[in-house]
């Protein structure tokens, strides 16, 4: 039996990393957290998206996509009895491809439908930027969006994921504890 794959995604400042970690920590027998591939790649390159020229942005997005896939496969084979709780999914890269989503799919020789079908459930989180509480790159040095950019990024991600058969939306919360509770409720953990 293959491990279920649950994506927690959303705009910068939506709490993805904190929420996936909190859920995995409180349910270690049920979930295996897969960290965000983009943060890993950008940290290893000591850069971020807005500091790269267009060709370098494409190259980094390719690396992120392949790193994401490799992580998913490695953890799924190692922990088949646990659901994979993913901090973003492969669809997210389309939001950052300089030539737009269709060019992303073509370059990676895949389709949006193929990538959507890889995941059992998707939870999209709204950024605290919607509440005026966004801290930019203060809590994640890889972030480059300002508050307005974070909100727009969230809208684009919602459009990219909208075709998923099991999609849930969680709004912005001033309290991360409340947001964790809302995600746990969606995942039937409370």
Protein backbone atom coordinates (compact mmCIF):
# COMPACT_ATOMS: atom_id res chain seq x y z
CA UNK A 1 0.00 0.00 0.00
CA UNK A 2 1.48 3.35 -1.05
CA UNK A 3 1.73 6.16 1.46
CA UNK A 4 -0.92 8.86 1.12
CA UNK A 5 0.39 12.25 0.08
CA UNK A 6 -1.13 15.34 1.68
CA UNK A 7 0.08 18.73 0.48
CA UNK A 8 -0.04 21.76 2.74
CA UNK A 9 0.51 24.73 0.45
CA UNK A 10 -0.21 28.41 0.20
CA UNK A 11 1.32 31.81 -0.08
CA UNK A 12 4.44 32.94 1.75
CA UNK A 13 3.60 33.63 5.37
CA UNK A 14 0.71 31.20 5.50
CA UNK A 15 2.27 28.93 8.12
CA UNK A 16 3.05 25.87 6.00
CA UNK A 17 6.29 24.95 7.71
CA UNK A 18 5.12 25.55 11.27
CA UNK A 19 1.84 23.71 10.65
CA UNK A 20 3.35 20.66 8.95
CA UNK A 21 5.94 20.39 11.73
CA UNK A 22 3.32 20.74 14.49
CA UNK A 23 1.09 18.07 12.97
CA UNK A 24 3.97 15.65 12.35
CA UNK A 25 5.28 16.20 15.88
CA UNK A 26 1.88 15.59 17.48
CA UNK A 27 1.10 12.52 15.32
CA UNK A 28 4.47 10.83 14.59
CA UNK A 29 2.86 7.43 14.12
CA UNK A 30 0.52 8.79 11.45
CA UNK A 31 2.48 11.42 9.48
CA UNK A 32 5.95 11.83 8.03
CA UNK A 33 6.75 15.47 7.29
CA UNK A 34 8.49 16.25 3.99
CA UNK A 35 10.24 19.65 4.17
CA UNK A 36 9.87 22.33 1.52
CA UNK A 37 12.18 21.54 -1.39
CA UNK A 38 12.50 25.20 -2.46
CA UNK A 39 13.92 26.34 0.88
CA UNK A 40 16.42 23.47 0.79
CA UNK A 41 17.57 24.30 -2.75
CA UNK A 42 17.78 28.06 -2.22
CA UNK A 43 19.61 27.62 1.09
CA UNK A 44 22.12 25.24 -0.48
CA UNK A 45 22.75 27.81 -3.25
CA UNK A 46 22.82 30.72 -0.76
CA UNK A 47 20.37 32.73 -2.87
CA UNK A 48 16.69 33.30 -3.53
CA UNK A 49 14.46 33.59 -6.59
CA UNK A 50 14.55 37.38 -7.00
CA UNK A 51 18.37 37.41 -7.10
CA UNK A 52 18.57 35.14 -10.13
CA UNK A 53 18.39 35.93 -13.84
CA UNK A 54 15.66 34.22 -15.86
CA UNK A 55 17.73 31.21 -16.95
CA UNK A 56 18.95 30.66 -13.40
CA UNK A 57 15.33 30.85 -12.17
CA UNK A 58 14.41 28.10 -14.63
CA UNK A 59 17.37 25.97 -13.53
CA UNK A 60 16.51 26.39 -9.85
CA UNK A 61 12.85 25.53 -10.44
CA UNK A 62 13.93 22.36 -12.25
CA UNK A 63 16.13 21.44 -9.26
CA UNK A 64 13.29 22.12 -6.85
CA UNK A 65 10.87 19.96 -8.87
CA UNK A 66 13.29 17.03 -9.02
CA UNK A 67 14.28 17.39 -5.36
CA UNK A 68 10.58 17.38 -4.40
CA UNK A 69 9.94 14.22 -6.40
CA UNK A 70 13.04 12.51 -4.98
CA UNK A 71 12.04 13.36 -1.39
CA UNK A 72 8.51 12.08 -1.92
CA UNK A 73 9.68 8.78 -3.38
CA UNK A 74 12.37 8.24 -0.74
CA UNK A 75 10.03 8.91 2.19
CA UNK A 76 7.14 6.94 0.64
CA UNK A 77 9.30 3.84 0.28
CA UNK A 78 10.85 4.22 3.72
CA UNK A 79 7.59 4.99 5.57
CA UNK A 80 4.75 3.37 3.56
CA UNK A 81 2.54 3.07 6.65
CA UNK A 82 2.52 6.84 7.29
CA UNK A 83 0.89 9.60 5.30
CA UNK A 84 3.38 12.02 3.79
CA UNK A 85 2.68 15.54 4.97
CA UNK A 86 4.25 17.75 2.33
CA UNK A 87 5.33 21.36 2.81
CA UNK A 88 4.32 22.31 -0.78
CA UNK A 89 3.97 20.05 -3.81
CA UNK A 90 5.28 19.93 -7.37
CA UNK A 91 2.42 22.12 -8.64
CA UNK A 92 3.82 25.06 -6.64
CA UNK A 93 6.81 25.40 -8.97
CA UNK A 94 4.51 26.48 -11.79
CA UNK A 95 3.77 29.67 -9.83
CA UNK A 96 7.45 30.61 -9.99
CA UNK A 97 8.31 29.59 -13.54
CA UNK A 98 9.33 32.81 -15.34
CA UNK A 99 7.48 31.89 -18.55
CA UNK A 100 4.22 30.81 -16.88
CA UNK A 101 2.68 27.49 -15.85
CA UNK A 102 2.21 25.99 -19.33
CA UNK A 103 5.89 26.46 -20.11
CA UNK A 104 6.74 24.84 -16.76
CA UNK A 105 4.79 21.70 -17.59
CA UNK A 106 6.31 21.55 -21.06
CA UNK A 107 9.87 22.03 -19.81
CA UNK A 108 9.46 19.29 -17.18
CA UNK A 109 7.66 16.98 -19.62
CA UNK A 110 4.61 16.62 -17.44
CA UNK A 111 1.14 18.12 -17.15
CA UNK A 112 -0.86 19.81 -14.42
CA UNK A 113 -3.22 16.82 -14.37
CA UNK A 114 -0.36 14.34 -13.93
CA UNK A 115 1.05 16.34 -11.04
CA UNK A 116 -2.36 16.86 -9.39
CA UNK A 117 -3.00 13.11 -9.54
CA UNK A 118 0.11 12.41 -7.45
CA UNK A 119 -1.54 13.82 -4.33
CA UNK A 120 -4.42 12.47 -2.23
CA UNK A 121 -5.37 15.75 -0.54
CA UNK A 122 -4.39 19.40 -0.72
CA UNK A 123 -4.87 22.10 1.90
CA UNK A 124 -4.29 25.67 0.72
CA UNK A 125 -3.52 28.19 3.42
CA UNK A 126 -4.09 31.93 3.19
CA UNK A 127 -1.17 34.17 4.15
CA UNK A 128 -1.24 36.39 7.23
CA UNK A 129 -0.50 39.16 4.72
CA UNK A 130 -4.29 39.27 4.30
CA UNK A 131 -4.46 40.40 7.94
CA UNK A 132 -1.57 42.86 7.71
CA UNK A 133 0.69 40.59 9.80
CA UNK A 134 3.22 39.50 7.15
CA UNK A 135 6.90 39.64 8.20
CA UNK A 136 8.49 39.27 4.76
CA UNK A 137 11.82 37.49 4.91
CA UNK A 138 12.24 37.92 8.69
CA UNK A 139 11.07 34.35 9.40
CA UNK A 140 12.37 32.80 6.15
CA UNK A 141 15.39 34.32 4.39
CA UNK A 142 14.37 32.67 1.12
CA UNK A 143 11.22 34.80 0.89
CA UNK A 144 11.29 37.74 -1.48
CA UNK A 145 7.63 38.77 -1.78
CA UNK A 146 6.23 41.83 -0.04
CA UNK A 147 2.73 41.57 1.50
CA UNK A 148 0.94 42.35 -1.78
CA UNK A 149 3.15 39.84 -3.60
CA UNK A 150 2.40 37.17 -0.99
CA UNK A 151 -1.35 37.70 -1.48
CA UNK A 152 -1.00 37.48 -5.28
CA UNK A 153 1.15 34.36 -4.93
CA UNK A 154 -1.62 32.77 -2.87
CA UNK A 155 -4.21 33.56 -5.54
CA UNK A 156 -2.04 32.03 -8.25
CA UNK A 157 -1.41 28.90 -6.18
CA UNK A 158 -5.17 28.55 -5.58
CA UNK A 159 -5.76 28.69 -9.35
CA UNK A 160 -3.02 26.12 -10.03
CA UNK A 161 -4.39 23.64 -7.46
CA UNK A 162 -8.11 24.22 -8.15
CA UNK A 163 -8.44 21.09 -10.28
CA UNK A 164 -7.57 18.78 -7.41
CA UNK A 165 -10.37 16.39 -6.41
CA UNK A 166 -9.78 16.79 -2.64
CA UNK A 167 -8.96 20.46 -2.09
CA UNK A 168 -9.58 22.40 1.12
CA UNK A 169 -9.01 26.09 1.87
CA UNK A 170 -8.04 27.54 5.25
CA UNK A 171 -8.23 31.30 5.70
CA UNK A 172 -5.78 33.54 7.52
CA UNK A 173 -5.67 33.46 11.32
CA UNK A 174 -3.95 35.92 13.65
CA UNK A 175 -3.01 32.96 15.88
CA UNK A 176 -0.89 30.11 14.50
CA UNK A 177 -2.38 27.80 17.14
CA UNK A 178 -5.87 28.46 15.78
CA UNK A 179 -4.67 27.82 12.25
CA UNK A 180 -3.01 24.55 13.27
CA UNK A 181 -6.32 23.53 14.85
CA UNK A 182 -8.21 24.40 11.66
CA UNK A 183 -5.84 22.30 9.54
CA UNK A 184 -6.03 19.39 12.00
CA UNK A 185 -9.82 19.57 11.82
CA UNK A 186 -9.72 19.43 8.02
CA UNK A 187 -7.42 16.41 8.28
CA UNK A 188 -9.76 14.80 10.83
CA UNK A 189 -7.23 14.94 13.65
CA UNK A 190 -9.36 16.58 16.33
